[in-house]
Amino acid sequence: MDLRAGDFTIRDFVFNSGDVLPELRLHYRTMGEPARGASGAAGKAVLILHGTTGSGAQFLRSSFAGELFQRGQLLDAEKHFIILPDGIGHGGSSKPSDGMRINFPRYGYLDMIRAQRRLVSEGLGVDHLKLVLGTSMGGMQTWLWGIHYPGFMDYLLPLASLPAEIAGRNRMIRKMIMDSIRMDPAWHDGNYVEQPPGLINAIHLLIMMTSCPLEWQKEAPTREAADAFVEERIGSYASTLDANDVLYAFAASEDYDPAPHLSRIQAPLLAINSADDQVNPPELGILEAAIRRVRRGRFVLLPIDEHTRGHGTHTLAAVWKYHLAAFLSRNDV
């Protein structure tokens, strides 16, 4: 696969808060080339959006790229133009830890999709997308893409997400994550020299938020194995995360509420969730009710089996790619 990376700079980006960043940098990766027709329009472009604290790099793993981007696969990178951006506040894009810390503009999901739209159209010259696919936070942003840019894509595939304001336990855990950082005296209003201990408390909550009880019982069937498992997870997160970045990333979801606007979505939409997803538990019944307001919307709930991994099922493409194949091949959607 022909993997390229770059940065797109937006001058004087105005956030919905009213804050202005003189230079907003969006880091991105692409594979393939945009196929342009006689009119110059780019075809078969695919935008893939990552989750909270992640980056576009997560889609390069064999469990995702190896199932979708190889020759002859659904999103063959020789036939599609794959776009993998890092959202505002994440990865190689502009974020608090670059230096501004708590003075970085407050951003929300609406700011993030607006910047993504400018990257796609102005930075990469793509005026239409075949597919917008997103996981977790990226799944939520996929719903927003369908609402705010309804004619810009042919298909929408939100994974591991719900099209509703974040409330209930989901919001409670997010608040606890943010409070773990903000209420730590060592945070120093964002001006810490070393990562505050509150970041570890936030990581504890993040681990529980995305837990997978059945699989984790198999992976850690003894006390010693469970202790080693959680220590490894904590160390992995702590080695890459910054407290201010985490605080901003979880606060970003506070402007998310697509429910009143679902009827604006024009493109065919397939929502896929997993029954063992602790972030979006199916017993809430939110997606079943909401999908009725999406004119060309469908919903698949993956049953728990030996292949699902809770919330993390969203990047295990082998588990759900046959649903995507059927979705893309239908002419009546």
C-alpha atoms as a PDB file:
ATOM      1  CA  MET A   1       0.000   0.000   0.000  1.00  0.00           C
ATOM      2  CA  ASP A   2       1.213   3.459  -0.914  1.00  0.00           C
ATOM      3  CA  LEU A   3       1.084   5.200   2.476  1.00  0.00           C
ATOM      4  CA  ARG A   4       1.690   8.937   2.636  1.00  0.00           C
ATOM      5  CA  ALA A   5       1.520  11.399   5.510  1.00  0.00           C
ATOM      6  CA  GLY A   6       1.144  15.147   5.578  1.00  0.00           C
ATOM      7  CA  ASP A   7      -0.104  18.200   7.435  1.00  0.00           C
ATOM      8  CA  PHE A   8      -2.825  20.607   6.340  1.00  0.00           C
ATOM      9  CA  THR A   9      -2.824  24.054   7.922  1.00  0.00           C
ATOM     10  CA  ILE A  10      -5.958  26.147   8.305  1.00  0.00           C
ATOM     11  CA  ARG A  11      -5.268  29.815   8.977  1.00  0.00           C
ATOM     12  CA  ASP A  12      -7.291  31.669  11.616  1.00  0.00           C
ATOM     13  CA  PHE A  13      -9.616  28.780  12.377  1.00  0.00           C
ATOM     14  CA  VAL A  14     -12.632  30.040  14.317  1.00  0.00           C
ATOM     15  CA  PHE A  15     -14.007  27.544  16.819  1.00  0.00           C
ATOM     16  CA  ASN A  16     -17.671  27.452  17.777  1.00  0.00           C
ATOM     17  CA  SER A  17     -16.619  28.832  21.163  1.00  0.00           C
ATOM     18  CA  GLY A  18     -15.457  32.005  19.389  1.00  0.00           C
ATOM     19  CA  ASP A  19     -11.795  31.240  20.044  1.00  0.00           C
ATOM     20  CA  VAL A  20      -9.431  31.622  17.091  1.00  0.00           C
ATOM     21  CA  LEU A  21      -6.290  29.592  16.431  1.00  0.00           C
ATOM     22  CA  PRO A  22      -3.943  31.386  14.014  1.00  0.00           C
ATOM     23  CA  GLU A  23      -2.752  28.061  12.612  1.00  0.00           C
ATOM     24  CA  LEU A  24      -4.679  24.826  13.038  1.00  0.00           C
ATOM     25  CA  ARG A  25      -2.653  21.817  11.897  1.00  0.00           C
ATOM     26  CA  LEU A  26      -4.415  18.666  10.818  1.00  0.00           C
ATOM     27  CA  HIS A  27      -2.168  15.651  10.392  1.00  0.00           C
ATOM     28  CA  TYR A  28      -3.341  12.962   8.002  1.00  0.00           C
ATOM     29  CA  ARG A  29      -2.349   9.787   6.212  1.00  0.00           C
ATOM     30  CA  THR A  30      -3.553   8.674   2.813  1.00  0.00           C
ATOM     31  CA  MET A  31      -3.354   5.539   0.706  1.00  0.00           C
ATOM     32  CA  GLY A  32      -3.980   5.336  -2.999  1.00  0.00           C
ATOM     33  CA  GLU A  33      -4.770   8.150  -5.388  1.00  0.00           C
ATOM     34  CA  PRO A  34      -8.043  10.029  -5.921  1.00  0.00           C
ATOM     35  CA  ALA A  35      -9.504   8.763  -9.194  1.00  0.00           C
ATOM     36  CA  ARG A  36     -10.678  11.830 -11.108  1.00  0.00           C
ATOM     37  CA  GLY A  37     -13.293  11.780 -13.827  1.00  0.00           C
ATOM     38  CA  ALA A  38     -13.555  14.029 -16.875  1.00  0.00           C
ATOM     39  CA  SER A  39     -14.942  16.834 -14.711  1.00  0.00           C
ATOM     40  CA  GLY A  40     -11.958  16.624 -12.371  1.00  0.00           C
ATOM     41  CA  ALA A  41     -14.080  15.323  -9.505  1.00  0.00           C
ATOM     42  CA  ALA A  42     -12.413  12.761  -7.255  1.00  0.00           C
ATOM     43  CA  GLY A  43     -14.175   9.432  -6.905  1.00  0.00           C
ATOM     44  CA  LYS A  44     -13.923   6.419  -4.596  1.00  0.00           C
ATOM     45  CA  ALA A  45     -12.541   8.455  -1.713  1.00  0.00           C
ATOM     46  CA  VAL A  46     -13.059   6.984   1.774  1.00  0.00           C
ATOM     47  CA  LEU A  47     -12.793   9.004   4.992  1.00  0.00           C
ATOM     48  CA  ILE A  48     -12.120   6.985   8.168  1.00  0.00           C
ATOM     49  CA  LEU A  49     -12.417   8.644  11.592  1.00  0.00           C
ATOM     50  CA  HIS A  50     -10.847   7.418  14.840  1.00  0.00           C
ATOM     51  CA  GLY A  51     -11.940   7.332  18.472  1.00  0.00           C
ATOM     52  CA  THR A  52     -11.182   9.407  21.573  1.00  0.00           C
ATOM     53  CA  THR A  53      -7.432   9.573  22.412  1.00  0.00           C
ATOM     54  CA  GLY A  54      -6.659   7.648  19.198  1.00  0.00           C
ATOM     55  CA  SER A  55      -5.358   8.648  15.779  1.00  0.00           C
ATOM     56  CA  GLY A  56      -5.618   7.618  12.159  1.00  0.00           C
ATOM     57  CA  ALA A  57      -2.616   5.336  12.715  1.00  0.00           C
ATOM     58  CA  GLN A  58      -4.847   2.790  14.465  1.00  0.00           C
ATOM     59  CA  PHE A  59      -6.378   1.873  11.109  1.00  0.00           C
ATOM     60  CA  LEU A  60      -3.024   0.708   9.761  1.00  0.00           C
ATOM     61  CA  ARG A  61      -3.065  -2.383  11.997  1.00  0.00           C
ATOM     62  CA  SER A  62      -3.506  -5.774  10.388  1.00  0.00           C
ATOM     63  CA  SER A  63      -6.878  -6.221  12.116  1.00  0.00           C
ATOM     64  CA  PHE A  64      -8.234  -3.305  10.078  1.00  0.00           C
ATOM     65  CA  ALA A  65      -6.018  -2.484   7.095  1.00  0.00           C
ATOM     66  CA  GLY A  66      -5.228  -6.158   6.555  1.00  0.00           C
ATOM     67  CA  GLU A  67      -8.932  -6.931   6.245  1.00  0.00           C
ATOM     68  CA  LEU A  68     -10.049  -3.965   4.130  1.00  0.00           C
ATOM     69  CA  PHE A  69      -7.229  -2.223   2.234  1.00  0.00           C
ATOM     70  CA  GLN A  70      -5.380  -5.086   0.533  1.00  0.00           C
ATOM     71  CA  ARG A  71      -5.739  -5.929  -3.141  1.00  0.00           C
ATOM     72  CA  GLY A  72      -9.182  -7.316  -3.913  1.00  0.00           C
ATOM     73  CA  GLN A  73     -10.639  -6.334  -0.542  1.00  0.00           C
ATOM     74  CA  LEU A  74     -13.627  -4.066   0.048  1.00  0.00           C
ATOM     75  CA  LEU A  75     -11.653  -0.829   0.290  1.00  0.00           C
ATOM     76  CA  ASP A  76      -8.731  -1.896  -1.890  1.00  0.00           C
ATOM     77  CA  ALA A  77      -6.211   0.950  -1.625  1.00  0.00           C
ATOM     78  CA  GLU A  78      -5.273   0.467  -5.276  1.00  0.00           C
ATOM     79  CA  LYS A  79      -8.839   1.378  -6.250  1.00  0.00           C
ATOM     80  CA  HIS A  80      -9.807   3.769  -3.444  1.00  0.00           C
ATOM     81  CA  PHE A  81      -8.340   6.924  -1.967  1.00  0.00           C
ATOM     82  CA  ILE A  82      -8.180   6.248   1.778  1.00  0.00           C
ATOM     83  CA  ILE A  83      -8.039   9.314   4.052  1.00  0.00           C
ATOM     84  CA  LEU A  84      -7.046   8.830   7.713  1.00  0.00           C
ATOM     85  CA  PRO A  85      -7.001  12.162   9.571  1.00  0.00           C
ATOM     86  CA  ASP A  86      -5.984  12.806  13.164  1.00  0.00           C
ATOM     87  CA  GLY A  87      -8.792  14.808  14.747  1.00  0.00           C
ATOM     88  CA  ILE A  88      -8.206  18.149  16.444  1.00  0.00           C
ATOM     89  CA  GLY A  89      -6.536  17.472  19.793  1.00  0.00           C
ATOM     90  CA  HIS A  90      -5.280  14.043  18.748  1.00  0.00           C
ATOM     91  CA  GLY A  91      -2.224  12.410  17.209  1.00  0.00           C
ATOM     92  CA  GLY A  92      -0.123  14.728  15.071  1.00  0.00           C
ATOM     93  CA  SER A  93      -2.791  17.429  14.830  1.00  0.00           C
ATOM     94  CA  SER A  94      -2.824  20.619  16.898  1.00  0.00           C
ATOM     95  CA  LYS A  95      -3.484  19.843  20.569  1.00  0.00           C
ATOM     96  CA  PRO A  96      -3.027  21.354  24.040  1.00  0.00           C
ATOM     97  CA  SER A  97       0.216  19.492  24.746  1.00  0.00           C
ATOM     98  CA  ASP A  98       1.904  21.202  21.791  1.00  0.00           C
ATOM     99  CA  GLY A  99       2.538  24.151  24.114  1.00  0.00           C
ATOM    100  CA  MET A 100      -0.671  26.118  24.658  1.00  0.00           C
ATOM    101  CA  ARG A 101      -1.875  23.723  27.351  1.00  0.00           C
ATOM    102  CA  ILE A 102      -5.077  25.027  28.962  1.00  0.00           C
ATOM    103  CA  ASN A 103      -4.993  28.082  26.686  1.00  0.00           C
ATOM    104  CA  PHE A 104      -5.705  25.878  23.681  1.00  0.00           C
ATOM    105  CA  PRO A 105      -9.154  26.697  22.257  1.00  0.00           C
ATOM    106  CA  ARG A 106     -12.008  24.608  23.552  1.00  0.00           C
ATOM    107  CA  TYR A 107     -13.109  22.365  20.722  1.00  0.00           C
ATOM    108  CA  GLY A 108     -16.088  20.120  20.118  1.00  0.00           C
ATOM    109  CA  TYR A 109     -17.118  17.476  17.637  1.00  0.00           C
ATOM    110  CA  LEU A 110     -18.688  20.126  15.397  1.00  0.00           C
ATOM    111  CA  ASP A 111     -15.332  21.909  15.171  1.00  0.00           C
ATOM    112  CA  MET A 112     -13.651  18.599  14.421  1.00  0.00           C
ATOM    113  CA  ILE A 113     -15.907  17.665  11.494  1.00  0.00           C
ATOM    114  CA  ARG A 114     -15.707  21.183  10.054  1.00  0.00           C
ATOM    115  CA  ALA A 115     -11.912  20.947  10.055  1.00  0.00           C
ATOM    116  CA  GLN A 116     -12.071  17.455   8.543  1.00  0.00           C
ATOM    117  CA  ARG A 117     -14.319  18.765   5.785  1.00  0.00           C
ATOM    118  CA  ARG A 118     -11.807  21.482   4.939  1.00  0.00           C
ATOM    119  CA  LEU A 119      -8.946  18.982   4.928  1.00  0.00           C
ATOM    120  CA  VAL A 120     -10.842  16.735   2.524  1.00  0.00           C
ATOM    121  CA  SER A 121     -12.041  19.441   0.143  1.00  0.00           C
ATOM    122  CA  GLU A 122      -9.379  22.161   0.355  1.00  0.00           C
ATOM    123  CA  GLY A 123      -6.345  20.148   1.400  1.00  0.00           C
ATOM    124  CA  LEU A 124      -6.865  17.013  -0.668  1.00  0.00           C
ATOM    125  CA  GLY A 125      -9.114  18.306  -3.447  1.00  0.00           C
ATOM    126  CA  VAL A 126     -11.872  15.758  -2.843  1.00  0.00           C
ATOM    127  CA  ASP A 127     -15.387  17.090  -3.451  1.00  0.00           C
ATOM    128  CA  HIS A 128     -17.275  13.862  -2.818  1.00  0.00           C
ATOM    129  CA  LEU A 129     -16.738  10.765  -0.669  1.00  0.00           C
ATOM    130  CA  LYS A 130     -17.813   7.245  -1.428  1.00  0.00           C
ATOM    131  CA  LEU A 131     -17.895   6.371   2.258  1.00  0.00           C
ATOM    132  CA  VAL A 132     -17.502   7.963   5.675  1.00  0.00           C
ATOM    133  CA  LEU A 133     -16.638   5.336   8.274  1.00  0.00           C
ATOM    134  CA  GLY A 134     -15.947   6.049  11.925  1.00  0.00           C
ATOM    135  CA  THR A 135     -15.292   4.150  15.143  1.00  0.00           C
ATOM    136  CA  SER A 136     -16.428   5.271  18.619  1.00  0.00           C
ATOM    137  CA  MET A 137     -15.906   9.070  18.626  1.00  0.00           C
ATOM    138  CA  GLY A 138     -15.365   8.732  14.877  1.00  0.00           C
ATOM    139  CA  GLY A 139     -18.681   6.882  14.691  1.00  0.00           C
ATOM    140  CA  MET A 140     -20.407   9.787  16.398  1.00  0.00           C
ATOM    141  CA  GLN A 141     -18.733  12.159  13.977  1.00  0.00           C
ATOM    142  CA  THR A 142     -19.960   9.996  11.101  1.00  0.00           C
ATOM    143  CA  TRP A 143     -23.538  10.714  12.181  1.00  0.00           C
ATOM    144  CA  LEU A 144     -22.656  14.428  12.227  1.00  0.00           C
ATOM    145  CA  TRP A 145     -21.116  14.242   8.745  1.00  0.00           C
ATOM    146  CA  GLY A 146     -24.389  12.803   7.475  1.00  0.00           C
ATOM    147  CA  ILE A 147     -26.369  15.602   9.110  1.00  0.00           C
ATOM    148  CA  HIS A 148     -24.180  18.589   8.260  1.00  0.00           C
ATOM    149  CA  TYR A 149     -22.878  17.515   4.838  1.00  0.00           C
ATOM    150  CA  PRO A 150     -25.760  15.360   3.585  1.00  0.00           C
ATOM    151  CA  GLY A 151     -24.858  15.384  -0.112  1.00  0.00           C
ATOM    152  CA  PHE A 152     -21.134  14.874   0.318  1.00  0.00           C
ATOM    153  CA  MET A 153     -21.014  11.072   0.590  1.00  0.00           C
ATOM    154  CA  ASP A 154     -22.606   7.965  -0.893  1.00  0.00           C
ATOM    155  CA  TYR A 155     -22.586   5.832   2.272  1.00  0.00           C
ATOM    156  CA  LEU A 156     -22.194   6.214   6.036  1.00  0.00           C
ATOM    157  CA  LEU A 157     -20.919   3.543   8.423  1.00  0.00           C
ATOM    158  CA  PRO A 158     -20.860   4.566  12.109  1.00  0.00           C
ATOM    159  CA  LEU A 159     -19.433   1.849  14.379  1.00  0.00           C
ATOM    160  CA  ALA A 160     -19.690   1.592  18.185  1.00  0.00           C
ATOM    161  CA  SER A 161     -21.712   4.762  18.649  1.00  0.00           C
ATOM    162  CA  LEU A 162     -25.161   6.078  19.447  1.00  0.00           C
ATOM    163  CA  PRO A 163     -26.898   9.022  17.722  1.00  0.00           C
ATOM    164  CA  ALA A 164     -27.928  10.742  20.949  1.00  0.00           C
ATOM    165  CA  GLU A 165     -26.627  13.208  23.503  1.00  0.00           C
ATOM    166  CA  ILE A 166     -24.080  11.567  25.789  1.00  0.00           C
ATOM    167  CA  ALA A 167     -25.883  11.053  29.073  1.00  0.00           C
ATOM    168  CA  GLY A 168     -26.411   8.372  31.731  1.00  0.00           C
ATOM    169  CA  ARG A 169     -23.441   6.213  32.677  1.00  0.00           C
ATOM    170  CA  ASN A 170     -21.482   7.257  29.587  1.00  0.00           C
ATOM    171  CA  ARG A 171     -21.536  10.906  30.665  1.00  0.00           C
ATOM    172  CA  MET A 172     -20.916   9.993  34.306  1.00  0.00           C
ATOM    173  CA  ILE A 173     -17.710   8.147  33.443  1.00  0.00           C
ATOM    174  CA  ARG A 174     -16.580  10.972  31.184  1.00  0.00           C
ATOM    175  CA  LYS A 175     -17.164  13.481  33.983  1.00  0.00           C
ATOM    176  CA  MET A 176     -15.204  11.323  36.410  1.00  0.00           C
ATOM    177  CA  ILE A 177     -12.336  11.110  33.921  1.00  0.00           C
ATOM    178  CA  MET A 178     -12.248  14.879  33.563  1.00  0.00           C
ATOM    179  CA  ASP A 179     -12.669  15.491  37.296  1.00  0.00           C
ATOM    180  CA  SER A 180      -9.816  13.069  38.048  1.00  0.00           C
ATOM    181  CA  ILE A 181      -7.530  15.469  36.204  1.00  0.00           C
ATOM    182  CA  ARG A 182      -9.058  18.842  37.105  1.00  0.00           C
ATOM    183  CA  MET A 183      -9.363  18.089  40.825  1.00  0.00           C
ATOM    184  CA  ASP A 184      -5.785  16.857  41.187  1.00  0.00           C
ATOM    185  CA  PRO A 185      -3.723  19.590  42.947  1.00  0.00           C
ATOM    186  CA  ALA A 186      -0.730  18.461  40.855  1.00  0.00           C
ATOM    187  CA  TRP A 187      -2.567  19.486  37.695  1.00  0.00           C
ATOM    188  CA  HIS A 188      -1.808  23.146  38.545  1.00  0.00           C
ATOM    189  CA  ASP A 189      -4.529  24.480  36.249  1.00  0.00           C
ATOM    190  CA  GLY A 190      -2.898  22.694  33.354  1.00  0.00           C
ATOM    191  CA  ASN A 191       0.598  24.015  34.003  1.00  0.00           C
ATOM    192  CA  TYR A 192       2.186  20.835  35.341  1.00  0.00           C
ATOM    193  CA  VAL A 193       5.797  19.886  34.740  1.00  0.00           C
ATOM    194  CA  GLU A 194       5.199  16.148  35.101  1.00  0.00           C
ATOM    195  CA  GLN A 195       1.985  14.310  34.299  1.00  0.00           C
ATOM    196  CA  PRO A 196      -0.292  14.629  37.366  1.00  0.00           C
ATOM    197  CA  PRO A 197      -1.292  11.437  39.220  1.00  0.00           C
ATOM    198  CA  GLY A 198      -4.875  12.246  38.276  1.00  0.00           C
ATOM    199  CA  LEU A 199      -4.060  11.065  34.765  1.00  0.00           C
ATOM    200  CA  ILE A 200      -3.619   7.529  36.121  1.00  0.00           C
ATOM    201  CA  ASN A 201      -7.008   7.768  37.838  1.00  0.00           C
ATOM    202  CA  ALA A 202      -8.492   8.890  34.525  1.00  0.00           C
ATOM    203  CA  ILE A 203      -6.844   5.916  32.805  1.00  0.00           C
ATOM    204  CA  HIS A 204      -8.394   3.561  35.383  1.00  0.00           C
ATOM    205  CA  LEU A 205     -11.826   4.863  34.419  1.00  0.00           C
ATOM    206  CA  LEU A 206     -11.052   4.708  30.694  1.00  0.00           C
ATOM    207  CA  ILE A 207     -10.058   1.046  31.062  1.00  0.00           C
ATOM    208  CA  MET A 208     -13.290   0.210  32.859  1.00  0.00           C
ATOM    209  CA  MET A 209     -15.331   2.255  30.385  1.00  0.00           C
ATOM    210  CA  THR A 210     -14.109   0.149  27.462  1.00  0.00           C
ATOM    211  CA  SER A 211     -13.871  -3.154  29.317  1.00  0.00           C
ATOM    212  CA  CYS A 212     -14.837  -6.507  27.835  1.00  0.00           C
ATOM    213  CA  PRO A 213     -15.821  -8.794  30.748  1.00  0.00           C
ATOM    214  CA  LEU A 214     -16.147 -12.110  28.913  1.00  0.00           C
ATOM    215  CA  GLU A 215     -12.908 -11.864  26.939  1.00  0.00           C
ATOM    216  CA  TRP A 216     -10.956 -10.399  29.840  1.00  0.00           C
ATOM    217  CA  GLN A 217     -12.001 -13.311  32.035  1.00  0.00           C
ATOM    218  CA  LYS A 218     -10.503 -15.622  29.422  1.00  0.00           C
ATOM    219  CA  GLU A 219      -7.328 -13.591  29.111  1.00  0.00           C
ATOM    220  CA  ALA A 220      -6.856 -13.150  32.846  1.00  0.00           C
ATOM    221  CA  PRO A 221      -8.342 -16.205  34.625  1.00  0.00           C
ATOM    222  CA  THR A 222      -6.198 -15.826  37.774  1.00  0.00           C
ATOM    223  CA  ARG A 223      -5.499 -13.023  40.235  1.00  0.00           C
ATOM    224  CA  GLU A 224      -1.899 -12.755  39.066  1.00  0.00           C
ATOM    225  CA  ALA A 225      -2.899 -12.655  35.403  1.00  0.00           C
ATOM    226  CA  ALA A 226      -5.542  -9.992  36.071  1.00  0.00           C
ATOM    227  CA  ASP A 227      -3.077  -7.805  37.962  1.00  0.00           C
ATOM    228  CA  ALA A 228      -0.501  -8.124  35.176  1.00  0.00           C
ATOM    229  CA  PHE A 229      -3.160  -7.411  32.545  1.00  0.00           C
ATOM    230  CA  VAL A 230      -4.300  -4.156  34.128  1.00  0.00           C
ATOM    231  CA  GLU A 231      -0.750  -2.998  34.860  1.00  0.00           C
ATOM    232  CA  GLU A 232       0.151  -3.490  31.217  1.00  0.00           C
ATOM    233  CA  ARG A 233      -2.906  -1.511  30.096  1.00  0.00           C
ATOM    234  CA  ILE A 234      -2.173   1.341  32.492  1.00  0.00           C
ATOM    235  CA  GLY A 235       1.462   1.496  31.390  1.00  0.00           C
ATOM    236  CA  SER A 236       0.513   1.497  27.721  1.00  0.00           C
ATOM    237  CA  TYR A 237      -1.906   4.405  28.126  1.00  0.00           C
ATOM    238  CA  ALA A 238       0.355   6.366  30.475  1.00  0.00           C
ATOM    239  CA  SER A 239       3.258   6.197  28.026  1.00  0.00           C
ATOM    240  CA  THR A 240       1.310   8.037  25.320  1.00  0.00           C
ATOM    241  CA  LEU A 241      -1.354  10.214  26.954  1.00  0.00           C
ATOM    242  CA  ASP A 242      -1.150  13.789  28.227  1.00  0.00           C
ATOM    243  CA  ALA A 243      -3.517  15.023  30.941  1.00  0.00           C
ATOM    244  CA  ASN A 244      -4.591  18.219  29.170  1.00  0.00           C
ATOM    245  CA  ASP A 245      -5.108  16.365  25.893  1.00  0.00           C
ATOM    246  CA  VAL A 246      -7.286  13.784  27.649  1.00  0.00           C
ATOM    247  CA  LEU A 247      -9.279  16.490  29.439  1.00  0.00           C
ATOM    248  CA  TYR A 248      -9.993  18.321  26.176  1.00  0.00           C
ATOM    249  CA  ALA A 249     -10.736  15.132  24.235  1.00  0.00           C
ATOM    250  CA  PHE A 250     -13.455  14.020  26.636  1.00  0.00           C
ATOM    251  CA  ALA A 251     -14.899  17.517  26.996  1.00  0.00           C
ATOM    252  CA  ALA A 252     -15.213  17.674  23.191  1.00  0.00           C
ATOM    253  CA  SER A 253     -18.262  15.401  23.273  1.00  0.00           C
ATOM    254  CA  GLU A 254     -20.319  18.010  25.125  1.00  0.00           C
ATOM    255  CA  ASP A 255     -21.665  19.541  21.900  1.00  0.00           C
ATOM    256  CA  TYR A 256     -22.783  16.166  20.521  1.00  0.00           C
ATOM    257  CA  ASP A 257     -26.530  15.697  20.091  1.00  0.00           C
ATOM    258  CA  PRO A 258     -27.530  14.494  16.624  1.00  0.00           C
ATOM    259  CA  ALA A 259     -30.912  13.091  17.674  1.00  0.00           C
ATOM    260  CA  PRO A 260     -33.081  16.099  16.692  1.00  0.00           C
ATOM    261  CA  HIS A 261     -31.523  16.240  13.218  1.00  0.00           C
ATOM    262  CA  LEU A 262     -31.424  12.616  12.046  1.00  0.00           C
ATOM    263  CA  SER A 263     -34.025  13.243   9.353  1.00  0.00           C
ATOM    264  CA  ARG A 264     -31.478  15.437   7.524  1.00  0.00           C
ATOM    265  CA  ILE A 265     -29.337  12.408   6.667  1.00  0.00           C
ATOM    266  CA  GLN A 266     -29.713  11.583   2.988  1.00  0.00           C
ATOM    267  CA  ALA A 267     -27.045   8.952   2.361  1.00  0.00           C
ATOM    268  CA  PRO A 268     -27.685   5.289   3.107  1.00  0.00           C
ATOM    269  CA  LEU A 269     -26.447   4.590   6.635  1.00  0.00           C
ATOM    270  CA  LEU A 270     -25.523   1.312   8.302  1.00  0.00           C
ATOM    271  CA  ALA A 271     -24.885   1.495  12.051  1.00  0.00           C
ATOM    272  CA  ILE A 272     -23.035  -1.447  13.592  1.00  0.00           C
ATOM    273  CA  ASN A 273     -22.706  -2.007  17.334  1.00  0.00           C
ATOM    274  CA  SER A 274     -21.616  -5.012  19.377  1.00  0.00           C
ATOM    275  CA  ALA A 275     -23.776  -6.548  22.101  1.00  0.00           C
ATOM    276  CA  ASP A 276     -20.834  -6.616  24.530  1.00  0.00           C
ATOM    277  CA  ASP A 277     -20.021  -2.913  24.100  1.00  0.00           C
ATOM    278  CA  GLN A 278     -19.926  -1.434  27.613  1.00  0.00           C
ATOM    279  CA  VAL A 279     -19.861   2.134  26.230  1.00  0.00           C
ATOM    280  CA  ASN A 280     -23.031   1.679  24.152  1.00  0.00           C
ATOM    281  CA  PRO A 281     -24.934  -1.145  25.867  1.00  0.00           C
ATOM    282  CA  PRO A 282     -27.788  -2.445  23.694  1.00  0.00           C
ATOM    283  CA  GLU A 283     -30.251  -2.638  26.582  1.00  0.00           C
ATOM    284  CA  LEU A 284     -30.632   1.152  26.375  1.00  0.00           C
ATOM    285  CA  GLY A 285     -32.582   0.713  23.139  1.00  0.00           C
ATOM    286  CA  ILE A 286     -31.400   4.115  21.875  1.00  0.00           C
ATOM    287  CA  LEU A 287     -30.235   3.049  18.430  1.00  0.00           C
ATOM    288  CA  GLU A 288     -33.267   0.909  17.651  1.00  0.00           C
ATOM    289  CA  ALA A 289     -35.526   3.909  18.231  1.00  0.00           C
ATOM    290  CA  ALA A 290     -33.285   6.455  16.514  1.00  0.00           C
ATOM    291  CA  ILE A 291     -32.680   4.496  13.321  1.00  0.00           C
ATOM    292  CA  ARG A 292     -36.366   4.806  12.446  1.00  0.00           C
ATOM    293  CA  ARG A 293     -35.799   8.522  11.894  1.00  0.00           C
ATOM    294  CA  VAL A 294     -33.055   7.888   9.338  1.00  0.00           C
ATOM    295  CA  ARG A 295     -34.849   7.439   6.019  1.00  0.00           C
ATOM    296  CA  ARG A 296     -32.250   5.085   4.537  1.00  0.00           C
ATOM    297  CA  GLY A 297     -30.846   3.827   7.810  1.00  0.00           C
ATOM    298  CA  ARG A 298     -30.198   0.281   9.012  1.00  0.00           C
ATOM    299  CA  PHE A 299     -28.839  -1.157  12.222  1.00  0.00           C
ATOM    300  CA  VAL A 300     -26.884  -4.337  12.971  1.00  0.00           C
ATOM    301  CA  LEU A 301     -26.214  -5.571  16.501  1.00  0.00           C
ATOM    302  CA  LEU A 302     -23.369  -8.083  16.505  1.00  0.00           C
ATOM    303  CA  PRO A 303     -24.026 -10.908  18.995  1.00  0.00           C
ATOM    304  CA  ILE A 304     -21.384 -11.724  21.575  1.00  0.00           C
ATOM    305  CA  ASP A 305     -19.156 -14.550  20.366  1.00  0.00           C
ATOM    306  CA  GLU A 306     -15.539 -15.635  20.448  1.00  0.00           C
ATOM    307  CA  HIS A 307     -14.605 -12.914  17.948  1.00  0.00           C
ATOM    308  CA  THR A 308     -16.148  -9.805  19.537  1.00  0.00           C
ATOM    309  CA  ARG A 309     -14.105  -7.678  21.927  1.00  0.00           C
ATOM    310  CA  GLY A 310     -16.588  -5.273  23.443  1.00  0.00           C
ATOM    311  CA  HIS A 311     -16.180  -1.661  22.399  1.00  0.00           C
ATOM    312  CA  GLY A 312     -12.938  -2.583  20.642  1.00  0.00           C
ATOM    313  CA  THR A 313     -14.834  -4.710  18.122  1.00  0.00           C
ATOM    314  CA  HIS A 314     -15.070  -1.568  16.014  1.00  0.00           C
ATOM    315  CA  THR A 315     -11.522  -2.001  14.694  1.00  0.00           C
ATOM    316  CA  LEU A 316     -11.754  -5.773  14.189  1.00  0.00           C
ATOM    317  CA  ALA A 317     -12.922  -5.547  10.605  1.00  0.00           C
ATOM    318  CA  ALA A 318     -13.103  -9.309  10.121  1.00  0.00           C
ATOM    319  CA  VAL A 319     -16.076  -9.376  12.522  1.00  0.00           C
ATOM    320  CA  TRP A 320     -18.265  -6.938  10.593  1.00  0.00           C
ATOM    321  CA  LYS A 321     -16.850  -6.506   7.088  1.00  0.00           C
ATOM    322  CA  TYR A 322     -19.371  -8.864   5.488  1.00  0.00           C
ATOM    323  CA  HIS A 323     -22.123  -6.494   6.665  1.00  0.00           C
ATOM    324  CA  LEU A 324     -20.261  -3.648   4.980  1.00  0.00           C
ATOM    325  CA  ALA A 325     -19.899  -5.712   1.803  1.00  0.00           C
ATOM    326  CA  ALA A 326     -23.631  -6.395   1.636  1.00  0.00           C
ATOM    327  CA  PHE A 327     -24.374  -2.742   2.373  1.00  0.00           C
ATOM    328  CA  LEU A 328     -22.145  -1.404  -0.401  1.00  0.00           C
ATOM    329  CA  SER A 329     -23.431  -3.917  -2.938  1.00  0.00           C
ATOM    330  CA  ARG A 330     -27.120  -3.140  -2.581  1.00  0.00           C
ATOM    331  CA  ASN A 331     -28.836  -0.974  -5.175  1.00  0.00           C
ATOM    332  CA  ASP A 332     -31.984  -0.289  -3.176  1.00  0.00           C
ATOM    333  CA  VAL A 333     -30.436   1.535  -0.214  1.00  0.00           C
END
